[in-house]
PDB file of N, CA and C in Angstrom:
ATOM      1  N   UNK A   1      -6.177  -5.235  12.223  1.00  0.00           N
ATOM      2  CA  UNK A   1      -6.243  -6.370  11.313  1.00  0.00           C
ATOM      3  C   UNK A   1      -5.173  -7.383  11.709  1.00  0.00           C
ATOM      4  N   UNK A   2      -5.572  -8.595  12.110  1.00  0.00           N
ATOM      5  CA  UNK A   2      -4.583  -9.609  12.447  1.00  0.00           C
ATOM      6  C   UNK A   2      -3.868 -10.103  11.191  1.00  0.00           C
ATOM      7  N   UNK A   3      -2.576 -10.116  11.263  1.00  0.00           N
ATOM      8  CA  UNK A   3      -1.762 -10.587  10.139  1.00  0.00           C
ATOM      9  C   UNK A   3      -1.450 -12.064  10.348  1.00  0.00           C
ATOM     10  N   UNK A   4      -1.735 -12.866   9.341  1.00  0.00           N
ATOM     11  CA  UNK A   4      -1.416 -14.290   9.389  1.00  0.00           C
ATOM     12  C   UNK A   4       0.092 -14.423   9.166  1.00  0.00           C
ATOM     13  N   UNK A   5       0.726 -15.237   9.970  1.00  0.00           N
ATOM     14  CA  UNK A   5       2.182 -15.366   9.871  1.00  0.00           C
ATOM     15  C   UNK A   5       2.587 -15.976   8.527  1.00  0.00           C
ATOM     16  N   UNK A   6       3.746 -15.564   8.021  1.00  0.00           N
ATOM     17  CA  UNK A   6       4.236 -16.143   6.756  1.00  0.00           C
ATOM     18  C   UNK A   6       4.403 -17.655   6.838  1.00  0.00           C
ATOM     19  N   UNK A   7       4.787 -18.167   8.018  1.00  0.00           N
ATOM     20  CA  UNK A   7       4.960 -19.622   8.179  1.00  0.00           C
ATOM     21  C   UNK A   7       3.632 -20.351   7.988  1.00  0.00           C
ATOM     22  N   UNK A   8       2.565 -19.807   8.577  1.00  0.00           N
ATOM     23  CA  UNK A   8       1.252 -20.428   8.425  1.00  0.00           C
ATOM     24  C   UNK A   8       0.766 -20.314   6.988  1.00  0.00           C
ATOM     25  N   UNK A   9       0.931 -19.134   6.388  1.00  0.00           N
ATOM     26  CA  UNK A   9       0.512 -18.974   4.991  1.00  0.00           C
ATOM     27  C   UNK A   9       1.242 -19.918   4.057  1.00  0.00           C
ATOM     28  N   UNK A  10       2.469 -20.277   4.384  1.00  0.00           N
ATOM     29  CA  UNK A  10       3.239 -21.163   3.500  1.00  0.00           C
ATOM     30  C   UNK A  10       2.685 -22.578   3.463  1.00  0.00           C
ATOM     31  N   UNK A  11       1.905 -22.960   4.486  1.00  0.00           N
ATOM     32  CA  UNK A  11       1.356 -24.331   4.502  1.00  0.00           C
ATOM     33  C   UNK A  11      -0.140 -24.371   4.205  1.00  0.00           C
ATOM     34  N   UNK A  12      -0.829 -23.255   4.342  1.00  0.00           N
ATOM     35  CA  UNK A  12      -2.272 -23.245   4.062  1.00  0.00           C
ATOM     36  C   UNK A  12      -2.527 -23.334   2.564  1.00  0.00           C
ATOM     37  N   UNK A  13      -3.604 -24.035   2.211  1.00  0.00           N
ATOM     38  CA  UNK A  13      -4.013 -24.157   0.816  1.00  0.00           C
ATOM     39  C   UNK A  13      -5.513 -23.949   0.720  1.00  0.00           C
ATOM     40  N   UNK A  14      -5.951 -23.448  -0.411  1.00  0.00           N
ATOM     41  CA  UNK A  14      -7.373 -23.278  -0.668  1.00  0.00           C
ATOM     42  C   UNK A  14      -8.014 -24.663  -0.762  1.00  0.00           C
ATOM     43  N   UNK A  15      -9.088 -24.918   0.001  1.00  0.00           N
ATOM     44  CA  UNK A  15      -9.715 -26.240  -0.056  1.00  0.00           C
ATOM     45  C   UNK A  15     -10.453 -26.501  -1.363  1.00  0.00           C
ATOM     46  N   UNK A  16     -10.716 -25.482  -2.149  1.00  0.00           N
ATOM     47  CA  UNK A  16     -11.423 -25.659  -3.415  1.00  0.00           C
ATOM     48  C   UNK A  16     -10.445 -25.842  -4.568  1.00  0.00           C
ATOM     49  N   UNK A  17      -9.448 -24.949  -4.679  1.00  0.00           N
ATOM     50  CA  UNK A  17      -8.529 -24.994  -5.817  1.00  0.00           C
ATOM     51  C   UNK A  17      -7.216 -25.700  -5.506  1.00  0.00           C
ATOM     52  N   UNK A  18      -6.879 -25.823  -4.226  1.00  0.00           N
ATOM     53  CA  UNK A  18      -5.600 -26.416  -3.842  1.00  0.00           C
ATOM     54  C   UNK A  18      -4.426 -25.456  -3.967  1.00  0.00           C
ATOM     55  N   UNK A  19      -4.705 -24.209  -4.323  1.00  0.00           N
ATOM     56  CA  UNK A  19      -3.629 -23.236  -4.531  1.00  0.00           C
ATOM     57  C   UNK A  19      -3.224 -22.577  -3.217  1.00  0.00           C
ATOM     58  N   UNK A  20      -2.083 -21.908  -3.255  1.00  0.00           N
ATOM     59  CA  UNK A  20      -1.614 -21.144  -2.100  1.00  0.00           C
ATOM     60  C   UNK A  20      -2.572 -19.992  -1.841  1.00  0.00           C
ATOM     61  N   UNK A  21      -2.493 -19.435  -0.635  1.00  0.00           N
ATOM     62  CA  UNK A  21      -3.350 -18.328  -0.235  1.00  0.00           C
ATOM     63  C   UNK A  21      -2.509 -17.105   0.088  1.00  0.00           C
ATOM     64  N   UNK A  22      -3.042 -15.936  -0.199  1.00  0.00           N
ATOM     65  CA  UNK A  22      -2.414 -14.686   0.186  1.00  0.00           C
ATOM     66  C   UNK A  22      -3.411 -13.902   1.032  1.00  0.00           C
ATOM     67  N   UNK A  23      -2.896 -13.052   1.907  1.00  0.00           N
ATOM     68  CA  UNK A  23      -3.788 -12.258   2.742  1.00  0.00           C
ATOM     69  C   UNK A  23      -4.041 -10.918   2.096  1.00  0.00           C
ATOM     70  N   UNK A  24      -5.327 -10.558   2.001  1.00  0.00           N
ATOM     71  CA  UNK A  24      -5.751  -9.244   1.529  1.00  0.00           C
ATOM     72  C   UNK A  24      -6.705  -8.695   2.578  1.00  0.00           C
ATOM     73  N   UNK A  25      -6.206  -7.842   3.424  1.00  0.00           N
ATOM     74  CA  UNK A  25      -7.029  -7.276   4.487  1.00  0.00           C
ATOM     75  C   UNK A  25      -7.500  -8.347   5.455  1.00  0.00           C
ATOM     76  N   UNK A  26      -8.812  -8.475   5.608  1.00  0.00           N
ATOM     77  CA  UNK A  26      -9.406  -9.449   6.531  1.00  0.00           C
ATOM     78  C   UNK A  26      -9.781 -10.745   5.838  1.00  0.00           C
ATOM     79  N   UNK A  27      -9.167 -11.031   4.691  1.00  0.00           N
ATOM     80  CA  UNK A  27      -9.480 -12.239   3.934  1.00  0.00           C
ATOM     81  C   UNK A  27      -8.207 -12.931   3.459  1.00  0.00           C
ATOM     82  N   UNK A  28      -8.337 -14.236   3.243  1.00  0.00           N
ATOM     83  CA  UNK A  28      -7.318 -14.988   2.517  1.00  0.00           C
ATOM     84  C   UNK A  28      -7.883 -15.250   1.128  1.00  0.00           C
ATOM     85  N   UNK A  29      -7.049 -15.107   0.108  1.00  0.00           N
ATOM     86  CA  UNK A  29      -7.492 -15.216  -1.272  1.00  0.00           C
ATOM     87  C   UNK A  29      -6.645 -16.268  -1.974  1.00  0.00           C
ATOM     88  N   UNK A  30      -7.331 -17.160  -2.721  1.00  0.00           N
ATOM     89  CA  UNK A  30      -6.602 -18.198  -3.457  1.00  0.00           C
ATOM     90  C   UNK A  30      -5.811 -17.564  -4.596  1.00  0.00           C
ATOM     91  N   UNK A  31      -4.669 -18.159  -4.906  1.00  0.00           N
ATOM     92  CA  UNK A  31      -3.837 -17.634  -5.990  1.00  0.00           C
ATOM     93  C   UNK A  31      -4.253 -18.190  -7.347  1.00  0.00           C
ATOM     94  N   UNK A  32      -5.148 -19.182  -7.356  1.00  0.00           N
ATOM     95  CA  UNK A  32      -5.678 -19.731  -8.606  1.00  0.00           C
ATOM     96  C   UNK A  32      -7.192 -19.517  -8.612  1.00  0.00           C
ATOM     97  N   UNK A  33      -7.758 -19.269  -9.776  1.00  0.00           N
ATOM     98  CA  UNK A  33      -9.204 -19.056  -9.832  1.00  0.00           C
ATOM     99  C   UNK A  33      -9.976 -20.365  -9.652  1.00  0.00           C
ATOM    100  N   UNK A  34     -11.197 -20.234  -9.159  1.00  0.00           N
ATOM    101  CA  UNK A  34     -12.102 -21.375  -9.037  1.00  0.00           C
ATOM    102  C   UNK A  34     -12.799 -21.571 -10.381  1.00  0.00           C
ATOM    103  N   UNK A  35     -13.796 -22.437 -10.435  1.00  0.00           N
ATOM    104  CA  UNK A  35     -14.490 -22.743 -11.700  1.00  0.00           C
ATOM    105  C   UNK A  35     -15.072 -21.505 -12.374  1.00  0.00           C
ATOM    106  N   UNK A  36     -15.576 -20.552 -11.587  1.00  0.00           N
ATOM    107  CA  UNK A  36     -16.181 -19.348 -12.156  1.00  0.00           C
ATOM    108  C   UNK A  36     -15.172 -18.336 -12.665  1.00  0.00           C
ATOM    109  N   UNK A  37     -13.881 -18.606 -12.507  1.00  0.00           N
ATOM    110  CA  UNK A  37     -12.853 -17.697 -12.976  1.00  0.00           C
ATOM    111  C   UNK A  37     -12.385 -16.692 -11.936  1.00  0.00           C
ATOM    112  N   UNK A  38     -13.051 -16.649 -10.789  1.00  0.00           N
ATOM    113  CA  UNK A  38     -12.678 -15.728  -9.721  1.00  0.00           C
ATOM    114  C   UNK A  38     -11.931 -16.485  -8.628  1.00  0.00           C
ATOM    115  N   UNK A  39     -11.001 -15.829  -7.945  1.00  0.00           N
ATOM    116  CA  UNK A  39     -10.328 -16.497  -6.826  1.00  0.00           C
ATOM    117  C   UNK A  39     -11.298 -16.692  -5.663  1.00  0.00           C
ATOM    118  N   UNK A  40     -11.052 -17.701  -4.867  1.00  0.00           N
ATOM    119  CA  UNK A  40     -11.856 -17.958  -3.675  1.00  0.00           C
ATOM    120  C   UNK A  40     -11.400 -17.011  -2.576  1.00  0.00           C
ATOM    121  N   UNK A  41     -12.337 -16.566  -1.738  1.00  0.00           N
ATOM    122  CA  UNK A  41     -12.034 -15.664  -0.634  1.00  0.00           C
ATOM    123  C   UNK A  41     -12.541 -16.279   0.661  1.00  0.00           C
ATOM    124  N   UNK A  42     -11.700 -16.215   1.692  1.00  0.00           N
ATOM    125  CA  UNK A  42     -12.029 -16.806   2.987  1.00  0.00           C
ATOM    126  C   UNK A  42     -11.820 -15.759   4.072  1.00  0.00           C
ATOM    127  N   UNK A  43     -12.821 -15.607   4.931  1.00  0.00           N
ATOM    128  CA  UNK A  43     -12.757 -14.627   6.012  1.00  0.00           C
ATOM    129  C   UNK A  43     -11.761 -15.070   7.076  1.00  0.00           C
ATOM    130  N   UNK A  44     -11.253 -14.083   7.796  1.00  0.00           N
ATOM    131  CA  UNK A  44     -10.417 -14.326   8.974  1.00  0.00           C
ATOM    132  C   UNK A  44     -11.190 -13.741  10.151  1.00  0.00           C
ATOM    133  N   UNK A  45     -11.579 -14.592  11.099  1.00  0.00           N
ATOM    134  CA  UNK A  45     -12.318 -14.134  12.278  1.00  0.00           C
ATOM    135  C   UNK A  45     -11.481 -14.361  13.520  1.00  0.00           C
ATOM    136  N   UNK A  46     -11.237 -13.295  14.255  1.00  0.00           N
ATOM    137  CA  UNK A  46     -10.439 -13.356  15.482  1.00  0.00           C
ATOM    138  C   UNK A  46      -9.075 -14.006  15.230  1.00  0.00           C
ATOM    139  N   UNK A  47      -8.489 -13.709  14.066  1.00  0.00           N
ATOM    140  CA  UNK A  47      -7.175 -14.233  13.729  1.00  0.00           C
ATOM    141  C   UNK A  47      -7.179 -15.667  13.216  1.00  0.00           C
ATOM    142  N   UNK A  48      -8.371 -16.255  13.032  1.00  0.00           N
ATOM    143  CA  UNK A  48      -8.478 -17.648  12.586  1.00  0.00           C
ATOM    144  C   UNK A  48      -9.070 -17.677  11.178  1.00  0.00           C
ATOM    145  N   UNK A  49      -8.343 -18.233  10.197  1.00  0.00           N
ATOM    146  CA  UNK A  49      -8.892 -18.341   8.844  1.00  0.00           C
ATOM    147  C   UNK A  49     -10.028 -19.362   8.811  1.00  0.00           C
ATOM    148  N   UNK A  50     -11.131 -18.997   8.183  1.00  0.00           N
ATOM    149  CA  UNK A  50     -12.272 -19.902   8.023  1.00  0.00           C
ATOM    150  C   UNK A  50     -12.204 -20.504   6.625  1.00  0.00           C
ATOM    151  N   UNK A  51     -11.511 -21.622   6.520  1.00  0.00           N
ATOM    152  CA  UNK A  51     -11.242 -22.225   5.216  1.00  0.00           C
ATOM    153  C   UNK A  51     -12.285 -23.280   4.866  1.00  0.00           C
ATOM    154  N   UNK A  52     -13.530 -22.848   4.788  1.00  0.00           N
ATOM    155  CA  UNK A  52     -14.604 -23.734   4.381  1.00  0.00           C
ATOM    156  C   UNK A  52     -15.105 -23.298   3.013  1.00  0.00           C
ATOM    157  N   UNK A  53     -15.391 -24.271   2.130  1.00  0.00           N
ATOM    158  CA  UNK A  53     -16.015 -23.906   0.857  1.00  0.00           C
ATOM    159  C   UNK A  53     -17.347 -23.211   1.131  1.00  0.00           C
ATOM    160  N   UNK A  54     -17.817 -22.356   0.225  1.00  0.00           N
ATOM    161  CA  UNK A  54     -19.017 -21.553   0.481  1.00  0.00           C
ATOM    162  C   UNK A  54     -20.228 -22.354   0.957  1.00  0.00           C
ATOM    163  N   UNK A  55     -20.479 -23.517   0.364  1.00  0.00           N
ATOM    164  CA  UNK A  55     -21.660 -24.290   0.755  1.00  0.00           C
ATOM    165  C   UNK A  55     -21.537 -24.827   2.187  1.00  0.00           C
ATOM    166  N   UNK A  56     -20.348 -25.196   2.610  1.00  0.00           N
ATOM    167  CA  UNK A  56     -20.158 -25.664   3.981  1.00  0.00           C
ATOM    168  C   UNK A  56     -20.144 -24.503   4.971  1.00  0.00           C
ATOM    169  N   UNK A  57     -19.646 -23.345   4.554  1.00  0.00           N
ATOM    170  CA  UNK A  57     -19.643 -22.179   5.428  1.00  0.00           C
ATOM    171  C   UNK A  57     -21.075 -21.752   5.734  1.00  0.00           C
ATOM    172  N   UNK A  58     -21.950 -21.794   4.728  1.00  0.00           N
ATOM    173  CA  UNK A  58     -23.352 -21.441   4.953  1.00  0.00           C
ATOM    174  C   UNK A  58     -23.992 -22.403   5.948  1.00  0.00           C
ATOM    175  N   UNK A  59     -23.705 -23.703   5.815  1.00  0.00           N
ATOM    176  CA  UNK A  59     -24.255 -24.693   6.736  1.00  0.00           C
ATOM    177  C   UNK A  59     -23.701 -24.492   8.144  1.00  0.00           C
ATOM    178  N   UNK A  60     -22.421 -24.178   8.269  1.00  0.00           N
ATOM    179  CA  UNK A  60     -21.813 -23.955   9.583  1.00  0.00           C
ATOM    180  C   UNK A  60     -22.406 -22.714  10.244  1.00  0.00           C
ATOM    181  N   UNK A  61     -22.623 -21.663   9.472  1.00  0.00           N
ATOM    182  CA  UNK A  61     -23.221 -20.445  10.023  1.00  0.00           C
ATOM    183  C   UNK A  61     -24.653 -20.698  10.482  1.00  0.00           C
ATOM    184  N   UNK A  62     -25.394 -21.493   9.722  1.00  0.00           N
ATOM    185  CA  UNK A  62     -26.763 -21.812  10.112  1.00  0.00           C
ATOM    186  C   UNK A  62     -26.774 -22.626  11.401  1.00  0.00           C
ATOM    187  N   UNK A  63     -25.875 -23.587  11.515  1.00  0.00           N
ATOM    188  CA  UNK A  63     -25.802 -24.406  12.728  1.00  0.00           C
ATOM    189  C   UNK A  63     -25.402 -23.552  13.923  1.00  0.00           C
ATOM    190  N   UNK A  64     -24.479 -22.625  13.707  1.00  0.00           N
ATOM    191  CA  UNK A  64     -24.035 -21.759  14.793  1.00  0.00           C
ATOM    192  C   UNK A  64     -25.177 -20.869  15.271  1.00  0.00           C
ATOM    193  N   UNK A  65     -25.975 -20.336  14.353  1.00  0.00           N
ATOM    194  CA  UNK A  65     -27.083 -19.477  14.767  1.00  0.00           C
ATOM    195  C   UNK A  65     -28.160 -20.288  15.470  1.00  0.00           C
ATOM    196  N   UNK A  66     -28.358 -21.557  15.091  1.00  0.00           N
ATOM    197  CA  UNK A  66     -29.306 -22.427  15.789  1.00  0.00           C
ATOM    198  C   UNK A  66     -28.865 -22.659  17.223  1.00  0.00           C
ATOM    199  N   UNK A  67     -27.576 -22.807  17.447  1.00  0.00           N
ATOM    200  CA  UNK A  67     -27.060 -23.032  18.797  1.00  0.00           C
ATOM    201  C   UNK A  67     -27.248 -21.792  19.659  1.00  0.00           C
ATOM    202  N   UNK A  68     -27.113 -20.611  19.075  1.00  0.00           N
ATOM    203  CA  UNK A  68     -27.257 -19.381  19.850  1.00  0.00           C
ATOM    204  C   UNK A  68     -28.725 -19.124  20.214  1.00  0.00           C
ATOM    205  N   UNK A  69     -29.650 -19.607  19.377  1.00  0.00           N
ATOM    206  CA  UNK A  69     -31.063 -19.427  19.673  1.00  0.00           C
ATOM    207  C   UNK A  69     -31.482 -20.288  20.836  1.00  0.00           C
ATOM    208  N   UNK A  70     -30.813 -21.407  21.022  1.00  0.00           N
ATOM    209  CA  UNK A  70     -31.139 -22.316  22.117  1.00  0.00           C
ATOM    210  C   UNK A  70     -32.417 -23.070  21.839  1.00  0.00           C
ATOM    211  N   UNK A  71     -32.631 -24.149  22.580  1.00  0.00           N
ATOM    212  CA  UNK A  71     -33.833 -24.931  22.368  1.00  0.00           C
ATOM    213  C   UNK A  71     -35.054 -24.171  22.889  1.00  0.00           C
ATOM    214  N   UNK A  72     -36.161 -24.437  22.278  1.00  0.00           N
ATOM    215  CA  UNK A  72     -37.410 -23.810  22.722  1.00  0.00           C
ATOM    216  C   UNK A  72     -37.761 -24.348  24.103  1.00  0.00           C
ATOM    217  N   UNK A  73     -38.346 -23.515  24.902  1.00  0.00           N
ATOM    218  CA  UNK A  73     -38.737 -23.941  26.248  1.00  0.00           C
ATOM    219  C   UNK A  73     -39.796 -25.021  26.141  1.00  0.00           C
ATOM    220  N   UNK A  74     -39.567 -26.100  26.809  1.00  0.00           N
ATOM    221  CA  UNK A  74     -40.518 -27.213  26.776  1.00  0.00           C
ATOM    222  C   UNK A  74     -41.637 -26.940  27.783  1.00  0.00           C
ATOM    223  N   UNK A  75     -42.820 -27.349  27.397  1.00  0.00           N
ATOM    224  CA  UNK A  75     -43.959 -27.201  28.307  1.00  0.00           C
ATOM    225  C   UNK A  75     -43.837 -28.230  29.414  1.00  0.00           C
ATOM    226  N   UNK A  76     -44.156 -27.848  30.613  1.00  0.00           N
ATOM    227  CA  UNK A  76     -44.066 -28.821  31.715  1.00  0.00           C
ATOM    228  C   UNK A  76     -45.053 -29.960  31.513  1.00  0.00           C
ATOM    229  N   UNK A  77     -44.622 -31.134  31.896  1.00  0.00           N
ATOM    230  CA  UNK A  77     -45.503 -32.296  31.753  1.00  0.00           C
ATOM    231  C   UNK A  77     -46.341 -32.448  33.015  1.00  0.00           C
ATOM    232  N   UNK A  78     -47.631 -32.766  32.854  1.00  0.00           N
ATOM    233  CA  UNK A  78     -48.494 -32.898  34.030  1.00  0.00           C
ATOM    234  C   UNK A  78     -48.201 -34.117  34.842  1.00  0.00           C
TER     235      UNK A  78
END
């Protein structure tokens, strides 16, 4: 489990609540609850925190999977 440095954690903020973040395992967790009353959770992939709100993270994941699929093979033109 990659540990986020204390220096980096001291400057990172939750993009939804604006609160400080703490590391819990493979996630960063906001110290203030979001609108639903639960803290926001952000994954850490390869040591990099993914600090995107849920709706933008879903869009980024969809775009990433589209890039991995590659464009469909075009039919040769006569």
